[in-house]
Amino acid sequence: MDNNPNGTALAGPSAFQIPYLIRQKICSSLDTPCPNGADWRLLAQRLKLDRHMSFFASKASPTSMILDLWEAQHFHSGNLNQLATVMADIGKQEAMIFLVSDGEC
Protein backbone atom coordinates (compact mmCIF):
# COMPACT_ATOMS: atom_id res chain seq x y z
CA MET A 1 0.00 0.00 0.00
CA ASP A 2 1.34 3.44 -0.96
CA ASN A 3 1.06 6.39 1.39
CA ASN A 4 1.61 10.06 0.76
CA PRO A 5 3.44 12.29 3.27
CA ASN A 6 0.11 13.40 4.79
CA GLY A 7 -0.76 9.83 5.75
CA THR A 8 -3.60 9.39 3.24
CA ALA A 9 -3.36 6.07 1.42
CA LEU A 10 -2.95 6.36 -2.34
CA ALA A 11 -3.84 2.74 -3.08
CA GLY A 12 -5.25 -0.27 -1.32
CA PRO A 13 -8.14 -0.60 1.13
CA SER A 14 -7.31 2.69 2.91
CA ALA A 15 -7.37 4.81 -0.27
CA PHE A 16 -9.65 7.85 -0.13
CA GLN A 17 -13.24 7.11 -1.08
CA ILE A 18 -16.47 8.89 -0.34
CA PRO A 19 -18.22 6.68 2.23
CA TYR A 20 -20.82 4.43 0.60
CA LEU A 21 -23.87 5.80 2.46
CA ILE A 22 -22.89 9.39 1.69
CA ARG A 23 -22.39 8.50 -1.98
CA GLN A 24 -25.82 6.82 -2.13
CA LYS A 25 -27.53 9.84 -0.57
CA ILE A 26 -25.84 12.25 -2.96
CA CYS A 27 -26.71 10.08 -5.98
CA SER A 28 -30.35 9.72 -4.97
CA SER A 29 -30.53 13.47 -4.44
CA LEU A 30 -28.94 14.47 -7.77
CA ASP A 31 -29.52 11.71 -10.35
CA THR A 32 -33.12 12.70 -11.07
CA PRO A 33 -33.28 15.76 -13.36
CA CYS A 34 -34.50 18.82 -11.52
CA PRO A 35 -36.45 21.59 -13.29
CA ASN A 36 -34.44 24.33 -11.54
CA GLY A 37 -31.17 22.64 -12.55
CA ALA A 38 -30.09 21.53 -9.05
CA ASP A 39 -29.07 18.07 -10.19
CA TRP A 40 -26.00 16.16 -11.40
CA ARG A 41 -25.40 18.69 -14.20
CA LEU A 42 -24.87 21.51 -11.71
CA LEU A 43 -22.67 19.25 -9.58
CA ALA A 44 -20.45 18.58 -12.61
CA GLN A 45 -20.31 22.29 -13.39
CA ARG A 46 -19.42 23.28 -9.81
CA LEU A 47 -16.73 20.60 -9.60
CA LYS A 48 -15.35 21.81 -12.95
CA LEU A 49 -16.10 18.49 -14.63
CA ASP A 50 -18.68 19.79 -17.10
CA ARG A 51 -16.57 19.03 -20.17
CA HIS A 52 -17.62 15.38 -19.65
CA MET A 53 -21.39 16.06 -19.64
CA SER A 54 -22.29 13.78 -22.55
CA PHE A 55 -20.37 10.90 -20.95
CA PHE A 56 -22.11 11.42 -17.59
CA ALA A 57 -25.51 11.67 -19.30
CA SER A 58 -25.00 8.26 -20.91
CA LYS A 59 -24.65 6.51 -17.54
CA ALA A 60 -27.36 5.04 -15.30
CA SER A 61 -26.08 7.19 -12.43
CA PRO A 62 -24.42 10.34 -13.75
CA THR A 63 -23.78 11.49 -10.18
CA SER A 64 -21.86 8.32 -9.36
CA MET A 65 -19.59 8.85 -12.38
CA ILE A 66 -18.99 12.47 -11.35
CA LEU A 67 -18.11 11.37 -7.82
CA ASP A 68 -15.78 8.67 -9.17
CA LEU A 69 -13.87 11.24 -11.20
CA TRP A 70 -13.83 13.73 -8.30
CA GLU A 71 -12.46 11.03 -5.97
CA ALA A 72 -9.73 10.17 -8.46
CA GLN A 73 -8.72 13.82 -8.68
CA HIS A 74 -8.76 14.33 -4.89
CA PHE A 75 -7.34 11.04 -3.60
CA HIS A 76 -4.35 12.92 -2.17
CA SER A 77 -6.37 15.16 0.13
CA GLY A 78 -9.34 12.98 1.06
CA ASN A 79 -11.19 16.18 1.94
CA LEU A 80 -15.00 16.09 1.86
CA ASN A 81 -15.32 19.78 2.79
CA GLN A 82 -15.16 20.92 -0.85
CA LEU A 83 -17.88 18.46 -1.79
CA ALA A 84 -20.05 19.55 1.16
CA THR A 85 -19.62 23.19 0.13
CA VAL A 86 -20.65 22.43 -3.46
CA MET A 87 -23.70 20.50 -2.26
CA ALA A 88 -24.74 23.48 -0.13
CA ASP A 89 -24.21 25.86 -3.06
CA ILE A 90 -26.41 23.66 -5.24
CA GLY A 91 -29.13 23.88 -2.61
CA LYS A 92 -28.94 20.27 -1.50
CA GLN A 93 -28.52 20.96 2.18
CA GLU A 94 -30.02 17.60 3.11
CA ALA A 95 -27.17 15.82 1.35
CA MET A 96 -24.68 18.23 2.91
CA ILE A 97 -25.98 17.34 6.39
CA PHE A 98 -25.28 13.67 5.63
CA LEU A 99 -21.78 14.58 4.47
CA VAL A 100 -21.00 16.37 7.70
CA SER A 101 -22.64 13.90 10.09
CA ASP A 102 -21.50 10.70 8.35
CA GLY A 103 -18.08 12.10 7.54
CA GLU A 104 -17.39 12.82 11.20
CA CYS A 105 -18.13 9.23 12.28
PDB file of N, CA and C in Angstrom:
ATOM      1  N   MET A   1       0.844  -1.177   0.000  1.00  0.00           N
ATOM      2  CA  MET A   1       0.000   0.000   0.000  1.00  0.00           C
ATOM      3  C   MET A   1       0.890   1.241   0.000  1.00  0.00           C
ATOM      4  N   ASP A   2       0.588   2.203  -0.873  1.00  0.00           N
ATOM      5  CA  ASP A   2       1.343   3.443  -0.964  1.00  0.00           C
ATOM      6  C   ASP A   2       0.708   4.497  -0.076  1.00  0.00           C
ATOM      7  N   ASN A   3       1.545   5.281   0.569  1.00  0.00           N
ATOM      8  CA  ASN A   3       1.060   6.387   1.388  1.00  0.00           C
ATOM      9  C   ASN A   3       1.724   7.670   0.928  1.00  0.00           C
ATOM     10  N   ASN A   4       1.000   8.774   1.047  1.00  0.00           N
ATOM     11  CA  ASN A   4       1.613  10.063   0.759  1.00  0.00           C
ATOM     12  C   ASN A   4       2.121  10.640   2.072  1.00  0.00           C
ATOM     13  N   PRO A   5       2.883  11.732   2.037  1.00  0.00           N
ATOM     14  CA  PRO A   5       3.441  12.288   3.270  1.00  0.00           C
ATOM     15  C   PRO A   5       2.395  12.714   4.297  1.00  0.00           C
ATOM     16  N   ASN A   6       1.166  12.983   3.871  1.00  0.00           N
ATOM     17  CA  ASN A   6       0.113  13.403   4.790  1.00  0.00           C
ATOM     18  C   ASN A   6      -0.567  12.227   5.469  1.00  0.00           C
ATOM     19  N   GLY A   7      -0.179  11.003   5.107  1.00  0.00           N
ATOM     20  CA  GLY A   7      -0.757   9.832   5.747  1.00  0.00           C
ATOM     21  C   GLY A   7      -1.978   9.273   5.051  1.00  0.00           C
ATOM     22  N   THR A   8      -2.451   9.898   3.971  1.00  0.00           N
ATOM     23  CA  THR A   8      -3.602   9.392   3.240  1.00  0.00           C
ATOM     24  C   THR A   8      -3.129   8.312   2.277  1.00  0.00           C
ATOM     25  N   ALA A   9      -3.759   7.168   2.297  1.00  0.00           N
ATOM     26  CA  ALA A   9      -3.355   6.074   1.420  1.00  0.00           C
ATOM     27  C   ALA A   9      -3.681   6.422  -0.024  1.00  0.00           C
ATOM     28  N   LEU A  10      -2.754   6.099  -0.927  1.00  0.00           N
ATOM     29  CA  LEU A  10      -2.955   6.356  -2.345  1.00  0.00           C
ATOM     30  C   LEU A  10      -3.520   5.144  -3.069  1.00  0.00           C
ATOM     31  N   ALA A  11      -3.332   3.969  -2.480  1.00  0.00           N
ATOM     32  CA  ALA A  11      -3.836   2.742  -3.079  1.00  0.00           C
ATOM     33  C   ALA A  11      -4.153   1.755  -1.962  1.00  0.00           C
ATOM     34  N   GLY A  12      -4.916   0.749  -2.312  1.00  0.00           N
ATOM     35  CA  GLY A  12      -5.247  -0.267  -1.322  1.00  0.00           C
ATOM     36  C   GLY A  12      -6.529   0.050  -0.582  1.00  0.00           C
ATOM     37  N   PRO A  13      -6.850  -0.740   0.445  1.00  0.00           N
ATOM     38  CA  PRO A  13      -8.141  -0.604   1.135  1.00  0.00           C
ATOM     39  C   PRO A  13      -8.308   0.712   1.880  1.00  0.00           C
ATOM     40  N   SER A  14      -7.203   1.423   2.176  1.00  0.00           N
ATOM     41  CA  SER A  14      -7.308   2.689   2.907  1.00  0.00           C
ATOM     42  C   SER A  14      -7.337   3.902   1.985  1.00  0.00           C
ATOM     43  N   ALA A  15      -7.348   3.697   0.670  1.00  0.00           N
ATOM     44  CA  ALA A  15      -7.365   4.810  -0.270  1.00  0.00           C
ATOM     45  C   ALA A  15      -8.627   5.647  -0.055  1.00  0.00           C
ATOM     46  N   PHE A  16      -8.522   6.945  -0.322  1.00  0.00           N
ATOM     47  CA  PHE A  16      -9.653   7.852  -0.127  1.00  0.00           C
ATOM     48  C   PHE A  16     -10.829   7.455  -1.002  1.00  0.00           C
ATOM     49  N   GLN A  17     -11.978   7.320  -0.383  1.00  0.00           N
ATOM     50  CA  GLN A  17     -13.236   7.112  -1.076  1.00  0.00           C
ATOM     51  C   GLN A  17     -14.320   7.810  -0.282  1.00  0.00           C
ATOM     52  N   ILE A  18     -15.296   8.341  -1.005  1.00  0.00           N
ATOM     53  CA  ILE A  18     -16.472   8.892  -0.337  1.00  0.00           C
ATOM     54  C   ILE A  18     -17.187   7.705   0.305  1.00  0.00           C
ATOM     55  N   PRO A  19     -17.511   7.796   1.582  1.00  0.00           N
ATOM     56  CA  PRO A  19     -18.217   6.676   2.231  1.00  0.00           C
ATOM     57  C   PRO A  19     -19.480   6.283   1.462  1.00  0.00           C
ATOM     58  N   TYR A  20     -19.736   4.985   1.407  1.00  0.00           N
ATOM     59  CA  TYR A  20     -20.818   4.429   0.601  1.00  0.00           C
ATOM     60  C   TYR A  20     -22.176   5.083   0.874  1.00  0.00           C
ATOM     61  N   LEU A  21     -22.558   5.220   2.134  1.00  0.00           N
ATOM     62  CA  LEU A  21     -23.873   5.795   2.457  1.00  0.00           C
ATOM     63  C   LEU A  21     -23.974   7.250   2.007  1.00  0.00           C
ATOM     64  N   ILE A  22     -22.894   7.995   2.147  1.00  0.00           N
ATOM     65  CA  ILE A  22     -22.886   9.388   1.686  1.00  0.00           C
ATOM     66  C   ILE A  22     -23.052   9.420   0.174  1.00  0.00           C
ATOM     67  N   ARG A  23     -22.313   8.572  -0.518  1.00  0.00           N
ATOM     68  CA  ARG A  23     -22.395   8.503  -1.982  1.00  0.00           C
ATOM     69  C   ARG A  23     -23.819   8.187  -2.424  1.00  0.00           C
ATOM     70  N   GLN A  24     -24.452   7.206  -1.779  1.00  0.00           N
ATOM     71  CA  GLN A  24     -25.819   6.820  -2.132  1.00  0.00           C
ATOM     72  C   GLN A  24     -26.788   7.990  -1.937  1.00  0.00           C
ATOM     73  N   LYS A  25     -26.633   8.714  -0.848  1.00  0.00           N
ATOM     74  CA  LYS A  25     -27.528   9.845  -0.565  1.00  0.00           C
ATOM     75  C   LYS A  25     -27.340  10.961  -1.583  1.00  0.00           C
ATOM     76  N   ILE A  26     -26.101  11.212  -1.955  1.00  0.00           N
ATOM     77  CA  ILE A  26     -25.835  12.248  -2.960  1.00  0.00           C
ATOM     78  C   ILE A  26     -26.417  11.825  -4.304  1.00  0.00           C
ATOM     79  N   CYS A  27     -26.189  10.577  -4.698  1.00  0.00           N
ATOM     80  CA  CYS A  27     -26.707  10.084  -5.980  1.00  0.00           C
ATOM     81  C   CYS A  27     -28.231  10.138  -6.030  1.00  0.00           C
ATOM     82  N   SER A  28     -28.882   9.705  -4.964  1.00  0.00           N
ATOM     83  CA  SER A  28     -30.346   9.725  -4.969  1.00  0.00           C
ATOM     84  C   SER A  28     -30.884  11.152  -4.989  1.00  0.00           C
ATOM     85  N   SER A  29     -30.119  12.075  -4.464  1.00  0.00           N
ATOM     86  CA  SER A  29     -30.526  13.470  -4.440  1.00  0.00           C
ATOM     87  C   SER A  29     -30.321  14.170  -5.785  1.00  0.00           C
ATOM     88  N   LEU A  30     -29.315  13.734  -6.557  1.00  0.00           N
ATOM     89  CA  LEU A  30     -28.941  14.471  -7.769  1.00  0.00           C
ATOM     90  C   LEU A  30     -29.176  13.743  -9.088  1.00  0.00           C
ATOM     91  N   ASP A  31     -29.372  12.429  -9.083  1.00  0.00           N
ATOM     92  CA  ASP A  31     -29.520  11.707 -10.346  1.00  0.00           C
ATOM     93  C   ASP A  31     -30.787  12.076 -11.106  1.00  0.00           C
ATOM     94  N   THR A  32     -31.865  12.346 -10.418  1.00  0.00           N
ATOM     95  CA  THR A  32     -33.121  12.702 -11.070  1.00  0.00           C
ATOM     96  C   THR A  32     -33.051  14.146 -11.554  1.00  0.00           C
ATOM     97  N   PRO A  33     -33.315  14.380 -12.853  1.00  0.00           N
ATOM     98  CA  PRO A  33     -33.280  15.762 -13.360  1.00  0.00           C
ATOM     99  C   PRO A  33     -34.227  16.662 -12.579  1.00  0.00           C
ATOM    100  N   CYS A  34     -33.740  17.849 -12.306  1.00  0.00           N
ATOM    101  CA  CYS A  34     -34.504  18.816 -11.522  1.00  0.00           C
ATOM    102  C   CYS A  34     -34.814  20.023 -12.409  1.00  0.00           C
ATOM    103  N   PRO A  35     -36.066  20.485 -12.409  1.00  0.00           N
ATOM    104  CA  PRO A  35     -36.450  21.594 -13.287  1.00  0.00           C
ATOM    105  C   PRO A  35     -35.620  22.871 -13.051  1.00  0.00           C
ATOM    106  N   ASN A  36     -35.221  23.126 -11.806  1.00  0.00           N
ATOM    107  CA  ASN A  36     -34.438  24.333 -11.536  1.00  0.00           C
ATOM    108  C   ASN A  36     -32.946  24.124 -11.750  1.00  0.00           C
ATOM    109  N   GLY A  37     -32.566  22.914 -12.215  1.00  0.00           N
ATOM    110  CA  GLY A  37     -31.175  22.637 -12.546  1.00  0.00           C
ATOM    111  C   GLY A  37     -30.311  22.158 -11.401  1.00  0.00           C
ATOM    112  N   ALA A  38     -30.872  21.983 -10.217  1.00  0.00           N
ATOM    113  CA  ALA A  38     -30.091  21.529  -9.052  1.00  0.00           C
ATOM    114  C   ALA A  38     -29.980  20.010  -9.078  1.00  0.00           C
ATOM    115  N   ASP A  39     -29.235  19.504 -10.052  1.00  0.00           N
ATOM    116  CA  ASP A  39     -29.067  18.070 -10.186  1.00  0.00           C
ATOM    117  C   ASP A  39     -27.625  17.770 -10.564  1.00  0.00           C
ATOM    118  N   TRP A  40     -27.364  16.582 -11.098  1.00  0.00           N
ATOM    119  CA  TRP A  40     -26.003  16.156 -11.401  1.00  0.00           C
ATOM    120  C   TRP A  40     -25.293  17.099 -12.354  1.00  0.00           C
ATOM    121  N   ARG A  41     -26.033  17.765 -13.244  1.00  0.00           N
ATOM    122  CA  ARG A  41     -25.396  18.692 -14.199  1.00  0.00           C
ATOM    123  C   ARG A  41     -24.753  19.870 -13.484  1.00  0.00           C
ATOM    124  N   LEU A  42     -25.434  20.398 -12.482  1.00  0.00           N
ATOM    125  CA  LEU A  42     -24.873  21.507 -11.709  1.00  0.00           C
ATOM    126  C   LEU A  42     -23.700  21.032 -10.856  1.00  0.00           C
ATOM    127  N   LEU A  43     -23.791  19.809 -10.331  1.00  0.00           N
ATOM    128  CA  LEU A  43     -22.668  19.248  -9.583  1.00  0.00           C
ATOM    129  C   LEU A  43     -21.428  19.187 -10.470  1.00  0.00           C
ATOM    130  N   ALA A  44     -21.577  18.665 -11.680  1.00  0.00           N
ATOM    131  CA  ALA A  44     -20.450  18.576 -12.614  1.00  0.00           C
ATOM    132  C   ALA A  44     -19.880  19.959 -12.908  1.00  0.00           C
ATOM    133  N   GLN A  45     -20.759  20.922 -13.105  1.00  0.00           N
ATOM    134  CA  GLN A  45     -20.312  22.291 -13.387  1.00  0.00           C
ATOM    135  C   GLN A  45     -19.535  22.862 -12.203  1.00  0.00           C
ATOM    136  N   ARG A  46     -20.066  22.728 -10.998  1.00  0.00           N
ATOM    137  CA  ARG A  46     -19.420  23.285  -9.805  1.00  0.00           C
ATOM    138  C   ARG A  46     -18.096  22.599  -9.471  1.00  0.00           C
ATOM    139  N   LEU A  47     -17.981  21.319  -9.842  1.00  0.00           N
ATOM    140  CA  LEU A  47     -16.730  20.602  -9.598  1.00  0.00           C
ATOM    141  C   LEU A  47     -15.765  20.724 -10.780  1.00  0.00           C
ATOM    142  N   LYS A  48     -16.151  21.557 -11.754  1.00  0.00           N
ATOM    143  CA  LYS A  48     -15.345  21.806 -12.954  1.00  0.00           C
ATOM    144  C   LYS A  48     -15.102  20.524 -13.766  1.00  0.00           C
ATOM    145  N   LEU A  49     -16.152  19.722 -13.866  1.00  0.00           N
ATOM    146  CA  LEU A  49     -16.101  18.488 -14.633  1.00  0.00           C
ATOM    147  C   LEU A  49     -17.098  18.509 -15.782  1.00  0.00           C
ATOM    148  N   ASP A  50     -17.604  19.691 -16.120  1.00  0.00           N
ATOM    149  CA  ASP A  50     -18.679  19.794 -17.099  1.00  0.00           C
ATOM    150  C   ASP A  50     -18.251  19.491 -18.537  1.00  0.00           C
ATOM    151  N   ARG A  51     -16.980  19.376 -18.806  1.00  0.00           N
ATOM    152  CA  ARG A  51     -16.566  19.030 -20.174  1.00  0.00           C
ATOM    153  C   ARG A  51     -16.905  17.564 -20.498  1.00  0.00           C
ATOM    154  N   HIS A  52     -17.285  16.794 -19.477  1.00  0.00           N
ATOM    155  CA  HIS A  52     -17.619  15.382 -19.655  1.00  0.00           C
ATOM    156  C   HIS A  52     -19.134  15.135 -19.599  1.00  0.00           C
ATOM    157  N   MET A  53     -19.935  16.165 -19.814  1.00  0.00           N
ATOM    158  CA  MET A  53     -21.394  16.059 -19.635  1.00  0.00           C
ATOM    159  C   MET A  53     -22.028  14.941 -20.462  1.00  0.00           C
ATOM    160  N   SER A  54     -21.648  14.811 -21.727  1.00  0.00           N
ATOM    161  CA  SER A  54     -22.289  13.781 -22.553  1.00  0.00           C
ATOM    162  C   SER A  54     -21.947  12.376 -22.046  1.00  0.00           C
ATOM    163  N   PHE A  55     -20.737  12.182 -21.539  1.00  0.00           N
ATOM    164  CA  PHE A  55     -20.371  10.899 -20.949  1.00  0.00           C
ATOM    165  C   PHE A  55     -21.221  10.626 -19.715  1.00  0.00           C
ATOM    166  N   PHE A  56     -21.312  11.597 -18.810  1.00  0.00           N
ATOM    167  CA  PHE A  56     -22.110  11.418 -17.593  1.00  0.00           C
ATOM    168  C   PHE A  56     -23.563  11.118 -17.934  1.00  0.00           C
ATOM    169  N   ALA A  57     -24.100  11.834 -18.921  1.00  0.00           N
ATOM    170  CA  ALA A  57     -25.509  11.672 -19.298  1.00  0.00           C
ATOM    171  C   ALA A  57     -25.801  10.268 -19.824  1.00  0.00           C
ATOM    172  N   SER A  58     -24.795   9.593 -20.344  1.00  0.00           N
ATOM    173  CA  SER A  58     -25.005   8.261 -20.910  1.00  0.00           C
ATOM    174  C   SER A  58     -25.012   7.158 -19.849  1.00  0.00           C
ATOM    175  N   LYS A  59     -24.756   7.495 -18.605  1.00  0.00           N
ATOM    176  CA  LYS A  59     -24.649   6.509 -17.536  1.00  0.00           C
ATOM    177  C   LYS A  59     -25.936   6.416 -16.726  1.00  0.00           C
ATOM    178  N   ALA A  60     -26.166   5.250 -16.129  1.00  0.00           N
ATOM    179  CA  ALA A  60     -27.362   5.038 -15.297  1.00  0.00           C
ATOM    180  C   ALA A  60     -27.372   5.986 -14.106  1.00  0.00           C
ATOM    181  N   SER A  61     -26.203   6.246 -13.530  1.00  0.00           N
ATOM    182  CA  SER A  61     -26.083   7.192 -12.426  1.00  0.00           C
ATOM    183  C   SER A  61     -25.002   8.212 -12.773  1.00  0.00           C
ATOM    184  N   PRO A  62     -25.399   9.315 -13.405  1.00  0.00           N
ATOM    185  CA  PRO A  62     -24.419  10.339 -13.749  1.00  0.00           C
ATOM    186  C   PRO A  62     -23.680  10.853 -12.515  1.00  0.00           C
ATOM    187  N   THR A  63     -24.387  10.985 -11.416  1.00  0.00           N
ATOM    188  CA  THR A  63     -23.781  11.488 -10.182  1.00  0.00           C
ATOM    189  C   THR A  63     -22.664  10.566  -9.706  1.00  0.00           C
ATOM    190  N   SER A  64     -22.880   9.268  -9.781  1.00  0.00           N
ATOM    191  CA  SER A  64     -21.861   8.317  -9.361  1.00  0.00           C
ATOM    192  C   SER A  64     -20.592   8.462 -10.202  1.00  0.00           C
ATOM    193  N   MET A  65     -20.757   8.668 -11.499  1.00  0.00           N
ATOM    194  CA  MET A  65     -19.595   8.852 -12.380  1.00  0.00           C
ATOM    195  C   MET A  65     -18.853  10.143 -12.034  1.00  0.00           C
ATOM    196  N   ILE A  66     -19.596  11.195 -11.739  1.00  0.00           N
ATOM    197  CA  ILE A  66     -18.988  12.468 -11.346  1.00  0.00           C
ATOM    198  C   ILE A  66     -18.197  12.285 -10.058  1.00  0.00           C
ATOM    199  N   LEU A  67     -18.793  11.600  -9.095  1.00  0.00           N
ATOM    200  CA  LEU A  67     -18.114  11.372  -7.821  1.00  0.00           C
ATOM    201  C   LEU A  67     -16.879  10.496  -7.990  1.00  0.00           C
ATOM    202  N   ASP A  68     -16.951   9.501  -8.891  1.00  0.00           N
ATOM    203  CA  ASP A  68     -15.777   8.665  -9.170  1.00  0.00           C
ATOM    204  C   ASP A  68     -14.619   9.520  -9.682  1.00  0.00           C
ATOM    205  N   LEU A  69     -14.911  10.386 -10.625  1.00  0.00           N
ATOM    206  CA  LEU A  69     -13.867  11.240 -11.196  1.00  0.00           C
ATOM    207  C   LEU A  69     -13.340  12.222 -10.156  1.00  0.00           C
ATOM    208  N   TRP A  70     -14.243  12.787  -9.355  1.00  0.00           N
ATOM    209  CA  TRP A  70     -13.828  13.725  -8.303  1.00  0.00           C
ATOM    210  C   TRP A  70     -12.926  13.023  -7.291  1.00  0.00           C
ATOM    211  N   GLU A  71     -13.293  11.807  -6.896  1.00  0.00           N
ATOM    212  CA  GLU A  71     -12.456  11.026  -5.975  1.00  0.00           C
ATOM    213  C   GLU A  71     -11.064  10.804  -6.553  1.00  0.00           C
ATOM    214  N   ALA A  72     -11.014  10.433  -7.824  1.00  0.00           N
ATOM    215  CA  ALA A  72      -9.725  10.170  -8.461  1.00  0.00           C
ATOM    216  C   ALA A  72      -8.850  11.423  -8.481  1.00  0.00           C
ATOM    217  N   GLN A  73      -9.477  12.572  -8.643  1.00  0.00           N
ATOM    218  CA  GLN A  73      -8.716  13.824  -8.679  1.00  0.00           C
ATOM    219  C   GLN A  73      -8.313  14.299  -7.285  1.00  0.00           C
ATOM    220  N   HIS A  74      -9.002  13.843  -6.249  1.00  0.00           N
ATOM    221  CA  HIS A  74      -8.759  14.333  -4.889  1.00  0.00           C
ATOM    222  C   HIS A  74      -8.291  13.247  -3.932  1.00  0.00           C
ATOM    223  N   PHE A  75      -7.766  12.140  -4.465  1.00  0.00           N
ATOM    224  CA  PHE A  75      -7.337  11.042  -3.599  1.00  0.00           C
ATOM    225  C   PHE A  75      -6.251  11.486  -2.627  1.00  0.00           C
ATOM    226  N   HIS A  76      -5.465  12.479  -3.015  1.00  0.00           N
ATOM    227  CA  HIS A  76      -4.353  12.918  -2.170  1.00  0.00           C
ATOM    228  C   HIS A  76      -4.804  13.684  -0.934  1.00  0.00           C
ATOM    229  N   SER A  77      -5.937  14.357  -1.017  1.00  0.00           N
ATOM    230  CA  SER A  77      -6.373  15.164   0.125  1.00  0.00           C
ATOM    231  C   SER A  77      -7.442  14.467   0.961  1.00  0.00           C
ATOM    232  N   GLY A  78      -8.285  13.673   0.325  1.00  0.00           N
ATOM    233  CA  GLY A  78      -9.336  12.984   1.061  1.00  0.00           C
ATOM    234  C   GLY A  78     -10.246  13.939   1.807  1.00  0.00           C
ATOM    235  N   ASN A  79     -10.455  15.128   1.261  1.00  0.00           N
ATOM    236  CA  ASN A  79     -11.191  16.181   1.944  1.00  0.00           C
ATOM    237  C   ASN A  79     -12.611  16.276   1.406  1.00  0.00           C
ATOM    238  N   LEU A  80     -13.598  16.003   2.262  1.00  0.00           N
ATOM    239  CA  LEU A  80     -14.998  16.088   1.857  1.00  0.00           C
ATOM    240  C   LEU A  80     -15.567  17.496   2.002  1.00  0.00           C
ATOM    241  N   ASN A  81     -14.805  18.427   2.582  1.00  0.00           N
ATOM    242  CA  ASN A  81     -15.320  19.783   2.788  1.00  0.00           C
ATOM    243  C   ASN A  81     -15.683  20.475   1.481  1.00  0.00           C
ATOM    244  N   GLN A  82     -14.855  20.311   0.440  1.00  0.00           N
ATOM    245  CA  GLN A  82     -15.157  20.921  -0.848  1.00  0.00           C
ATOM    246  C   GLN A  82     -16.470  20.382  -1.399  1.00  0.00           C
ATOM    247  N   LEU A  83     -16.659  19.078  -1.299  1.00  0.00           N
ATOM    248  CA  LEU A  83     -17.883  18.461  -1.791  1.00  0.00           C
ATOM    249  C   LEU A  83     -19.092  18.946  -0.992  1.00  0.00           C
ATOM    250  N   ALA A  84     -18.956  19.057   0.315  1.00  0.00           N
ATOM    251  CA  ALA A  84     -20.046  19.551   1.157  1.00  0.00           C
ATOM    252  C   ALA A  84     -20.396  20.990   0.785  1.00  0.00           C
ATOM    253  N   THR A  85     -19.395  21.796   0.513  1.00  0.00           N
ATOM    254  CA  THR A  85     -19.620  23.187   0.128  1.00  0.00           C
ATOM    255  C   THR A  85     -20.369  23.267  -1.197  1.00  0.00           C
ATOM    256  N   VAL A  86     -19.970  22.456  -2.157  1.00  0.00           N
ATOM    257  CA  VAL A  86     -20.649  22.430  -3.458  1.00  0.00           C
ATOM    258  C   VAL A  86     -22.090  21.986  -3.295  1.00  0.00           C
ATOM    259  N   MET A  87     -22.322  20.963  -2.478  1.00  0.00           N
ATOM    260  CA  MET A  87     -23.695  20.498  -2.259  1.00  0.00           C
ATOM    261  C   MET A  87     -24.556  21.601  -1.650  1.00  0.00           C
ATOM    262  N   ALA A  88     -24.005  22.364  -0.731  1.00  0.00           N
ATOM    263  CA  ALA A  88     -24.742  23.479  -0.130  1.00  0.00           C
ATOM    264  C   ALA A  88     -25.018  24.555  -1.164  1.00  0.00           C
ATOM    265  N   ASP A  89     -24.031  24.844  -2.008  1.00  0.00           N
ATOM    266  CA  ASP A  89     -24.206  25.855  -3.063  1.00  0.00           C
ATOM    267  C   ASP A  89     -25.298  25.457  -4.048  1.00  0.00           C
ATOM    268  N   ILE A  90     -25.390  24.173  -4.321  1.00  0.00           N
ATOM    269  CA  ILE A  90     -26.410  23.665  -5.236  1.00  0.00           C
ATOM    270  C   ILE A  90     -27.798  23.770  -4.609  1.00  0.00           C
ATOM    271  N   GLY A  91     -27.843  23.822  -3.297  1.00  0.00           N
ATOM    272  CA  GLY A  91     -29.132  23.881  -2.609  1.00  0.00           C
ATOM    273  C   GLY A  91     -29.578  22.533  -2.102  1.00  0.00           C
ATOM    274  N   LYS A  92     -28.640  21.605  -1.998  1.00  0.00           N
ATOM    275  CA  LYS A  92     -28.940  20.265  -1.504  1.00  0.00           C
ATOM    276  C   LYS A  92     -28.427  20.128  -0.077  1.00  0.00           C
ATOM    277  N   GLN A  93     -28.970  20.962   0.794  1.00  0.00           N
ATOM    278  CA  GLN A  93     -28.521  20.964   2.179  1.00  0.00           C
ATOM    279  C   GLN A  93     -28.723  19.618   2.850  1.00  0.00           C
ATOM    280  N   GLU A  94     -29.780  18.893   2.466  1.00  0.00           N
ATOM    281  CA  GLU A  94     -30.024  17.600   3.113  1.00  0.00           C
ATOM    282  C   GLU A  94     -28.873  16.643   2.842  1.00  0.00           C
ATOM    283  N   ALA A  95     -28.320  16.676   1.651  1.00  0.00           N
ATOM    284  CA  ALA A  95     -27.169  15.816   1.354  1.00  0.00           C
ATOM    285  C   ALA A  95     -25.928  16.336   2.069  1.00  0.00           C
ATOM    286  N   MET A  96     -25.824  17.655   2.212  1.00  0.00           N
ATOM    287  CA  MET A  96     -24.679  18.226   2.914  1.00  0.00           C
ATOM    288  C   MET A  96     -24.699  17.810   4.381  1.00  0.00           C
ATOM    289  N   ILE A  97     -25.872  17.765   4.989  1.00  0.00           N
ATOM    290  CA  ILE A  97     -25.984  17.345   6.393  1.00  0.00           C
ATOM    291  C   ILE A  97     -25.459  15.917   6.532  1.00  0.00           C
ATOM    292  N   PHE A  98     -25.798  15.041   5.575  1.00  0.00           N
ATOM    293  CA  PHE A  98     -25.282  13.672   5.630  1.00  0.00           C
ATOM    294  C   PHE A  98     -23.772  13.646   5.476  1.00  0.00           C
ATOM    295  N   LEU A  99     -23.237  14.514   4.639  1.00  0.00           N
ATOM    296  CA  LEU A  99     -21.781  14.576   4.473  1.00  0.00           C
ATOM    297  C   LEU A  99     -21.098  14.928   5.782  1.00  0.00           C
ATOM    298  N   VAL A 100     -21.618  15.926   6.459  1.00  0.00           N
ATOM    299  CA  VAL A 100     -21.004  16.366   7.702  1.00  0.00           C
ATOM    300  C   VAL A 100     -21.180  15.318   8.783  1.00  0.00           C
ATOM    301  N   SER A 101     -22.401  14.830   8.987  1.00  0.00           N
ATOM    302  CA  SER A 101     -22.640  13.905  10.090  1.00  0.00           C
ATOM    303  C   SER A 101     -21.990  12.549   9.842  1.00  0.00           C
ATOM    304  N   ASP A 102     -22.097  11.997   8.642  1.00  0.00           N
ATOM    305  CA  ASP A 102     -21.500  10.702   8.345  1.00  0.00           C
ATOM    306  C   ASP A 102     -19.978  10.811   8.243  1.00  0.00           C
ATOM    307  N   GLY A 103     -19.504  11.920   7.713  1.00  0.00           N
ATOM    308  CA  GLY A 103     -18.082  12.104   7.537  1.00  0.00           C
ATOM    309  C   GLY A 103     -17.341  12.240   8.864  1.00  0.00           C
ATOM    310  N   GLU A 104     -18.028  12.654   9.899  1.00  0.00           N
ATOM    311  CA  GLU A 104     -17.391  12.824  11.197  1.00  0.00           C
ATOM    312  C   GLU A 104     -17.338  11.525  11.979  1.00  0.00           C
ATOM    313  N   CYS A 105     -18.091  10.510  11.552  1.00  0.00           N
ATOM    314  CA  CYS A 105     -18.129   9.231  12.280  1.00  0.00           C
ATOM    315  C   CYS A 105     -16.853   8.447  12.086  1.00  0.00           C
TER     316      CYS A 105
END
